[in-house]
């Protein structure tokens, strides 16, 4: 089976990790993130919605992307279908959470953060690659 989709998921997760790590570092240093494409980062990142149980979402994003990368590496070591399912659940949850965050930016905060949008695009791409890959994996398994 061609597993090109899983390396793509890993690349997207690595880019997402870099995005979340940058935001985490800026939060930790209490520095301006420097939105250069759109305005609104400050409004989004300083809102009450930028935290979950007191933890900055950027920190949780680092854990999210690392778990996807770790899962992909573990899959390559074990070739376990269970690992693929777990990655799918993690990314599926991330995608649903991303939809919620986009809603908050659009309709509650009324501002957008370019770094948050990058993360949303990367999570969507990871979800699409996983869905296509797992579908192909299932079709090939039953062929």
N, C-alpha and C. Protein backbone atom coordinates (compact mmCIF):
# COMPACT_ATOMS: atom_id res chain seq x y z
N UNK A 1 0.84 -1.19 0.00
CA UNK A 1 0.00 0.00 0.00
C UNK A 1 0.88 1.25 0.00
N UNK A 2 0.50 2.20 -0.79
CA UNK A 2 1.22 3.47 -0.82
C UNK A 2 0.83 4.27 0.43
N UNK A 3 1.83 4.65 1.20
CA UNK A 3 1.56 5.37 2.44
C UNK A 3 2.06 6.81 2.35
N UNK A 4 1.97 7.40 1.19
CA UNK A 4 2.40 8.78 1.02
C UNK A 4 1.58 9.73 1.89
N UNK A 5 0.35 9.37 2.16
CA UNK A 5 -0.52 10.25 2.94
C UNK A 5 -0.02 10.41 4.37
N UNK A 6 0.57 9.37 4.95
CA UNK A 6 1.04 9.49 6.33
C UNK A 6 2.26 10.41 6.45
N UNK A 7 3.23 10.34 5.53
CA UNK A 7 4.31 11.35 5.59
C UNK A 7 3.77 12.77 5.42
N UNK A 8 2.74 12.95 4.60
CA UNK A 8 2.14 14.29 4.45
C UNK A 8 1.52 14.74 5.77
N UNK A 9 0.83 13.83 6.45
CA UNK A 9 0.27 14.16 7.76
C UNK A 9 1.39 14.57 8.70
N UNK A 10 2.50 13.86 8.65
CA UNK A 10 3.65 14.18 9.51
C UNK A 10 4.23 15.56 9.19
N UNK A 11 4.32 15.88 7.90
CA UNK A 11 4.83 17.20 7.50
C UNK A 11 3.89 18.30 8.00
N UNK A 12 2.58 18.10 7.83
CA UNK A 12 1.61 19.08 8.31
C UNK A 12 1.69 19.22 9.84
N UNK A 13 1.88 18.09 10.53
CA UNK A 13 1.99 18.12 11.99
C UNK A 13 3.27 18.85 12.41
N UNK A 14 4.34 18.66 11.67
CA UNK A 14 5.60 19.36 11.98
C UNK A 14 5.44 20.87 11.79
N UNK A 15 4.77 21.26 10.72
CA UNK A 15 4.50 22.69 10.49
C UNK A 15 3.59 23.24 11.59
N UNK A 16 2.59 22.46 11.98
CA UNK A 16 1.69 22.88 13.06
C UNK A 16 2.44 23.01 14.38
N UNK A 17 3.35 22.07 14.62
CA UNK A 17 4.18 22.15 15.83
C UNK A 17 4.98 23.45 15.83
N UNK A 18 5.58 23.79 14.69
CA UNK A 18 6.37 25.03 14.60
C UNK A 18 5.49 26.25 14.89
N UNK A 19 4.29 26.26 14.34
CA UNK A 19 3.34 27.35 14.55
C UNK A 19 2.98 27.46 16.04
N UNK A 20 2.59 26.34 16.64
CA UNK A 20 2.18 26.34 18.05
C UNK A 20 3.37 26.64 18.97
N UNK A 21 4.55 26.13 18.61
CA UNK A 21 5.73 26.40 19.42
C UNK A 21 6.06 27.89 19.41
N UNK A 22 5.97 28.51 18.23
CA UNK A 22 6.22 29.95 18.13
C UNK A 22 5.25 30.73 19.02
N UNK A 23 3.96 30.40 18.93
CA UNK A 23 2.97 31.08 19.76
C UNK A 23 3.23 30.83 21.24
N UNK A 24 3.63 29.61 21.58
CA UNK A 24 3.93 29.27 22.98
C UNK A 24 5.12 30.08 23.49
N UNK A 25 6.14 30.16 22.66
CA UNK A 25 7.34 30.91 23.02
C UNK A 25 7.01 32.39 23.22
N UNK A 26 6.22 32.94 22.31
CA UNK A 26 5.83 34.36 22.43
C UNK A 26 4.98 34.58 23.68
N UNK A 27 4.11 33.63 23.99
CA UNK A 27 3.30 33.74 25.20
C UNK A 27 4.18 33.67 26.44
N UNK A 28 5.09 32.71 26.45
CA UNK A 28 5.98 32.52 27.59
C UNK A 28 6.84 33.77 27.82
N UNK A 29 7.31 34.39 26.74
CA UNK A 29 8.14 35.59 26.85
C UNK A 29 7.32 36.86 26.97
N UNK A 30 5.99 36.71 26.92
CA UNK A 30 5.07 37.86 26.96
C UNK A 30 5.43 38.87 25.87
N UNK A 31 5.67 38.34 24.65
CA UNK A 31 6.04 39.16 23.50
C UNK A 31 4.90 39.24 22.50
N UNK A 32 4.96 40.25 21.67
CA UNK A 32 4.00 40.41 20.58
C UNK A 32 4.30 39.38 19.51
N UNK A 33 3.25 38.71 19.01
CA UNK A 33 3.45 37.66 18.00
C UNK A 33 3.76 38.23 16.63
N UNK A 34 3.44 39.47 16.41
CA UNK A 34 3.78 40.11 15.14
C UNK A 34 2.95 39.65 13.96
N UNK A 35 1.66 39.86 14.04
CA UNK A 35 0.80 39.55 12.89
C UNK A 35 1.21 40.42 11.71
N UNK A 36 1.48 39.78 10.60
CA UNK A 36 1.94 40.54 9.44
C UNK A 36 0.97 40.48 8.28
N UNK A 37 0.04 39.55 8.29
CA UNK A 37 -0.88 39.38 7.17
C UNK A 37 -2.24 39.99 7.48
N UNK A 38 -2.75 39.73 8.66
CA UNK A 38 -4.04 40.29 9.07
C UNK A 38 -3.90 40.89 10.45
N UNK A 39 -4.83 41.73 10.80
CA UNK A 39 -4.84 42.28 12.16
C UNK A 39 -5.83 41.46 12.98
N UNK A 40 -5.65 41.47 14.26
CA UNK A 40 -6.58 40.76 15.13
C UNK A 40 -5.93 39.71 16.00
N UNK A 41 -4.66 39.42 15.76
CA UNK A 41 -3.99 38.40 16.58
C UNK A 41 -4.05 38.75 18.06
N UNK A 42 -3.77 40.00 18.37
CA UNK A 42 -3.76 40.41 19.77
C UNK A 42 -5.13 40.20 20.42
N UNK A 43 -6.19 40.56 19.70
CA UNK A 43 -7.54 40.39 20.25
C UNK A 43 -7.85 38.92 20.50
N UNK A 44 -7.44 38.07 19.58
CA UNK A 44 -7.72 36.63 19.71
C UNK A 44 -6.87 36.03 20.82
N UNK A 45 -5.57 36.30 20.78
CA UNK A 45 -4.65 35.66 21.72
C UNK A 45 -4.75 36.19 23.14
N UNK A 46 -5.37 37.36 23.31
CA UNK A 46 -5.55 37.89 24.67
C UNK A 46 -6.98 37.68 25.17
N UNK A 47 -7.81 37.04 24.37
CA UNK A 47 -9.20 36.80 24.79
C UNK A 47 -9.26 35.68 25.82
N UNK A 48 -10.38 35.60 26.49
CA UNK A 48 -10.58 34.52 27.46
C UNK A 48 -10.61 33.15 26.77
N UNK A 49 -10.85 33.14 25.47
CA UNK A 49 -10.94 31.89 24.72
C UNK A 49 -9.57 31.35 24.30
N UNK A 50 -8.52 32.09 24.60
CA UNK A 50 -7.17 31.65 24.26
C UNK A 50 -6.62 30.68 25.31
N UNK A 51 -7.44 30.34 26.29
CA UNK A 51 -7.04 29.46 27.37
C UNK A 51 -8.09 28.37 27.57
N UNK A 52 -7.64 27.20 27.98
CA UNK A 52 -8.54 26.12 28.33
C UNK A 52 -8.09 25.63 29.71
N UNK A 53 -8.96 25.82 30.69
CA UNK A 53 -8.64 25.48 32.07
C UNK A 53 -7.35 26.18 32.52
N UNK A 54 -7.18 27.42 32.08
CA UNK A 54 -6.02 28.22 32.47
C UNK A 54 -4.76 27.94 31.69
N UNK A 55 -4.82 27.00 30.75
CA UNK A 55 -3.64 26.64 29.95
C UNK A 55 -3.76 27.32 28.59
N UNK A 56 -2.74 28.04 28.16
CA UNK A 56 -2.80 28.66 26.82
C UNK A 56 -3.01 27.60 25.74
N UNK A 57 -3.89 27.89 24.80
CA UNK A 57 -4.16 26.95 23.71
C UNK A 57 -2.90 26.66 22.90
N UNK A 58 -1.99 27.60 22.83
CA UNK A 58 -0.74 27.36 22.09
C UNK A 58 0.03 26.20 22.71
N UNK A 59 0.06 26.11 24.04
CA UNK A 59 0.74 25.00 24.72
C UNK A 59 0.05 23.68 24.38
N UNK A 60 -1.28 23.71 24.38
CA UNK A 60 -2.03 22.50 24.04
C UNK A 60 -1.82 22.13 22.57
N UNK A 61 -1.64 23.14 21.73
CA UNK A 61 -1.36 22.89 20.32
C UNK A 61 -0.03 22.17 20.14
N UNK A 62 0.97 22.55 20.92
CA UNK A 62 2.26 21.86 20.87
C UNK A 62 2.06 20.38 21.20
N UNK A 63 1.30 20.10 22.24
CA UNK A 63 1.04 18.71 22.63
C UNK A 63 0.26 17.96 21.57
N UNK A 64 -0.72 18.64 20.98
CA UNK A 64 -1.54 18.05 19.93
C UNK A 64 -0.69 17.62 18.74
N UNK A 65 0.11 18.54 18.23
CA UNK A 65 0.93 18.23 17.06
C UNK A 65 2.02 17.20 17.39
N UNK A 66 2.59 17.28 18.58
CA UNK A 66 3.57 16.28 18.97
C UNK A 66 2.95 14.89 19.08
N UNK A 67 1.71 14.81 19.55
CA UNK A 67 1.05 13.51 19.66
C UNK A 67 0.81 12.91 18.28
N UNK A 68 0.49 13.75 17.29
CA UNK A 68 0.31 13.25 15.92
C UNK A 68 1.65 12.76 15.37
N UNK A 69 2.71 13.54 15.58
CA UNK A 69 4.04 13.13 15.11
C UNK A 69 4.50 11.85 15.80
N UNK A 70 4.29 11.78 17.10
CA UNK A 70 4.66 10.58 17.84
C UNK A 70 3.85 9.38 17.34
N UNK A 71 2.56 9.58 17.11
CA UNK A 71 1.71 8.50 16.60
C UNK A 71 2.18 8.00 15.24
N UNK A 72 2.54 8.92 14.36
CA UNK A 72 3.03 8.52 13.04
C UNK A 72 4.32 7.72 13.15
N UNK A 73 5.23 8.18 14.00
CA UNK A 73 6.48 7.46 14.20
C UNK A 73 6.22 6.08 14.79
N UNK A 74 5.30 6.02 15.73
CA UNK A 74 4.95 4.74 16.35
C UNK A 74 4.32 3.79 15.34
N UNK A 75 3.50 4.34 14.46
CA UNK A 75 2.89 3.50 13.42
C UNK A 75 3.97 2.88 12.53
N UNK A 76 4.95 3.68 12.15
CA UNK A 76 6.02 3.16 11.30
C UNK A 76 6.82 2.07 12.01
N UNK A 77 6.89 2.14 13.33
CA UNK A 77 7.60 1.12 14.09
C UNK A 77 6.79 -0.16 14.26
N UNK A 78 5.47 -0.01 14.41
CA UNK A 78 4.63 -1.16 14.76
C UNK A 78 3.74 -1.65 13.64
N UNK A 79 3.44 -0.78 12.67
CA UNK A 79 2.49 -1.09 11.59
C UNK A 79 1.12 -1.47 12.15
N UNK A 80 0.76 -0.86 13.28
CA UNK A 80 -0.48 -1.18 13.98
C UNK A 80 -1.64 -0.31 13.49
N UNK A 81 -2.68 -0.98 13.07
CA UNK A 81 -3.89 -0.27 12.63
C UNK A 81 -4.51 0.53 13.79
N UNK A 82 -4.35 0.04 15.01
CA UNK A 82 -4.86 0.74 16.18
C UNK A 82 -4.22 2.12 16.30
N UNK A 83 -2.94 2.21 16.02
CA UNK A 83 -2.24 3.50 16.08
C UNK A 83 -2.84 4.46 15.05
N UNK A 84 -3.14 3.97 13.85
CA UNK A 84 -3.77 4.83 12.84
C UNK A 84 -5.13 5.32 13.32
N UNK A 85 -5.88 4.44 13.96
CA UNK A 85 -7.19 4.85 14.48
C UNK A 85 -7.03 5.92 15.56
N UNK A 86 -6.03 5.75 16.43
CA UNK A 86 -5.79 6.74 17.48
C UNK A 86 -5.39 8.09 16.89
N UNK A 87 -4.53 8.06 15.88
CA UNK A 87 -4.16 9.31 15.20
C UNK A 87 -5.42 9.95 14.60
N UNK A 88 -6.25 9.13 13.99
CA UNK A 88 -7.51 9.64 13.42
C UNK A 88 -8.40 10.27 14.46
N UNK A 89 -8.49 9.66 15.64
CA UNK A 89 -9.31 10.22 16.73
C UNK A 89 -8.72 11.54 17.21
N UNK A 90 -7.41 11.58 17.37
CA UNK A 90 -6.75 12.82 17.82
C UNK A 90 -6.99 13.94 16.82
N UNK A 91 -6.76 13.65 15.54
CA UNK A 91 -6.93 14.69 14.51
C UNK A 91 -8.41 15.04 14.35
N UNK A 92 -9.28 14.06 14.44
CA UNK A 92 -10.72 14.34 14.37
C UNK A 92 -11.16 15.27 15.49
N UNK A 93 -10.67 15.00 16.70
CA UNK A 93 -10.97 15.90 17.82
C UNK A 93 -10.38 17.27 17.60
N UNK A 94 -9.16 17.30 17.07
CA UNK A 94 -8.53 18.59 16.76
C UNK A 94 -9.31 19.37 15.73
N UNK A 95 -9.85 18.66 14.74
CA UNK A 95 -10.64 19.32 13.70
C UNK A 95 -11.92 19.91 14.28
N UNK A 96 -12.61 19.15 15.12
CA UNK A 96 -13.84 19.67 15.74
C UNK A 96 -13.54 20.87 16.62
N UNK A 97 -12.43 20.81 17.37
CA UNK A 97 -12.04 21.93 18.21
C UNK A 97 -11.67 23.13 17.35
N UNK A 98 -11.04 22.89 16.22
CA UNK A 98 -10.69 23.95 15.28
C UNK A 98 -11.95 24.65 14.77
N UNK A 99 -12.98 23.88 14.45
CA UNK A 99 -14.24 24.49 14.00
C UNK A 99 -14.80 25.41 15.07
N UNK A 100 -14.73 24.98 16.32
CA UNK A 100 -15.21 25.79 17.44
C UNK A 100 -14.39 27.08 17.55
N UNK A 101 -13.08 26.97 17.40
CA UNK A 101 -12.23 28.15 17.51
C UNK A 101 -12.46 29.13 16.36
N UNK A 102 -12.69 28.62 15.17
CA UNK A 102 -13.00 29.49 14.03
C UNK A 102 -14.33 30.21 14.27
N UNK A 103 -15.30 29.49 14.80
CA UNK A 103 -16.58 30.11 15.14
C UNK A 103 -16.36 31.25 16.15
N UNK A 104 -15.57 30.97 17.19
CA UNK A 104 -15.32 32.00 18.20
C UNK A 104 -14.65 33.23 17.59
N UNK A 105 -13.66 33.01 16.73
CA UNK A 105 -12.98 34.15 16.10
C UNK A 105 -13.95 34.96 15.24
N UNK A 106 -14.78 34.26 14.48
CA UNK A 106 -15.67 34.94 13.52
C UNK A 106 -16.85 35.63 14.19
N UNK A 107 -17.45 34.98 15.18
CA UNK A 107 -18.73 35.48 15.69
C UNK A 107 -18.72 35.98 17.13
N UNK A 108 -17.70 35.67 17.89
CA UNK A 108 -17.66 36.11 19.28
C UNK A 108 -16.57 37.18 19.47
N UNK A 109 -15.36 36.86 19.05
CA UNK A 109 -14.24 37.79 19.21
C UNK A 109 -14.25 38.84 18.11
N UNK A 110 -14.78 38.48 16.95
CA UNK A 110 -14.82 39.37 15.78
C UNK A 110 -13.43 39.80 15.33
N UNK A 111 -12.50 38.87 15.39
CA UNK A 111 -11.13 39.11 14.94
C UNK A 111 -10.52 37.75 14.61
N UNK A 112 -9.50 37.78 13.76
CA UNK A 112 -8.83 36.54 13.36
C UNK A 112 -7.34 36.64 13.65
N UNK A 113 -6.77 35.50 13.95
CA UNK A 113 -5.33 35.39 14.19
C UNK A 113 -4.75 34.56 13.06
N UNK A 114 -3.77 35.10 12.35
CA UNK A 114 -3.20 34.38 11.21
C UNK A 114 -2.56 33.05 11.64
N UNK A 115 -1.96 33.02 12.81
CA UNK A 115 -1.33 31.80 13.28
C UNK A 115 -2.37 30.74 13.63
N UNK A 116 -3.50 31.19 14.15
CA UNK A 116 -4.61 30.26 14.45
C UNK A 116 -5.21 29.73 13.15
N UNK A 117 -5.30 30.57 12.15
CA UNK A 117 -5.83 30.13 10.85
C UNK A 117 -4.88 29.15 10.17
N UNK A 118 -3.58 29.37 10.33
CA UNK A 118 -2.60 28.42 9.79
C UNK A 118 -2.80 27.06 10.45
N UNK A 119 -2.97 27.06 11.75
CA UNK A 119 -3.20 25.82 12.48
C UNK A 119 -4.49 25.15 12.01
N UNK A 120 -5.51 25.93 11.77
CA UNK A 120 -6.79 25.39 11.29
C UNK A 120 -6.63 24.72 9.93
N UNK A 121 -5.90 25.38 9.05
CA UNK A 121 -5.66 24.80 7.71
C UNK A 121 -4.86 23.52 7.83
N UNK A 122 -3.83 23.51 8.67
CA UNK A 122 -3.00 22.32 8.82
C UNK A 122 -3.79 21.15 9.42
N UNK A 123 -4.62 21.44 10.40
CA UNK A 123 -5.45 20.39 10.99
C UNK A 123 -6.44 19.86 9.96
N UNK A 124 -7.01 20.73 9.15
CA UNK A 124 -7.93 20.30 8.10
C UNK A 124 -7.22 19.42 7.08
N UNK A 125 -6.02 19.82 6.69
CA UNK A 125 -5.24 19.02 5.74
C UNK A 125 -4.88 17.66 6.34
N UNK A 126 -4.49 17.65 7.60
CA UNK A 126 -4.18 16.37 8.26
C UNK A 126 -5.41 15.48 8.28
N UNK A 127 -6.57 16.06 8.60
CA UNK A 127 -7.80 15.28 8.63
C UNK A 127 -8.16 14.73 7.26
N UNK A 128 -7.99 15.54 6.22
CA UNK A 128 -8.30 15.09 4.87
C UNK A 128 -7.36 13.96 4.45
N UNK A 129 -6.05 14.13 4.73
CA UNK A 129 -5.09 13.09 4.37
C UNK A 129 -5.36 11.79 5.12
N UNK A 130 -5.69 11.91 6.40
CA UNK A 130 -5.99 10.71 7.18
C UNK A 130 -7.26 10.03 6.68
N UNK A 131 -8.28 10.82 6.39
CA UNK A 131 -9.53 10.23 5.90
C UNK A 131 -9.30 9.50 4.58
N UNK A 132 -8.59 10.14 3.66
CA UNK A 132 -8.30 9.49 2.38
C UNK A 132 -7.41 8.27 2.56
N UNK A 133 -6.40 8.40 3.38
CA UNK A 133 -5.48 7.30 3.60
C UNK A 133 -6.13 6.12 4.29
N UNK A 134 -6.92 6.39 5.31
CA UNK A 134 -7.59 5.30 6.01
C UNK A 134 -8.65 4.65 5.12
N UNK A 135 -9.30 5.45 4.30
CA UNK A 135 -10.27 4.88 3.35
C UNK A 135 -9.56 3.95 2.38
N UNK A 136 -8.45 4.42 1.82
CA UNK A 136 -7.69 3.60 0.88
C UNK A 136 -7.16 2.35 1.57
N UNK A 137 -6.70 2.51 2.81
CA UNK A 137 -6.20 1.38 3.59
C UNK A 137 -7.30 0.34 3.78
N UNK A 138 -8.51 0.79 4.09
CA UNK A 138 -9.64 -0.12 4.30
C UNK A 138 -10.03 -0.81 3.01
N UNK A 139 -10.05 -0.09 1.90
CA UNK A 139 -10.40 -0.68 0.61
C UNK A 139 -9.38 -1.74 0.21
N UNK A 140 -8.10 -1.43 0.38
CA UNK A 140 -7.05 -2.38 0.03
C UNK A 140 -7.08 -3.61 0.93
N UNK A 141 -7.47 -3.40 2.19
CA UNK A 141 -7.50 -4.50 3.14
C UNK A 141 -8.58 -5.53 2.76
N UNK A 142 -9.68 -5.05 2.20
CA UNK A 142 -10.78 -5.93 1.85
C UNK A 142 -10.74 -6.40 0.39
N UNK A 143 -9.73 -5.97 -0.36
CA UNK A 143 -9.61 -6.37 -1.77
C UNK A 143 -8.97 -7.72 -1.91
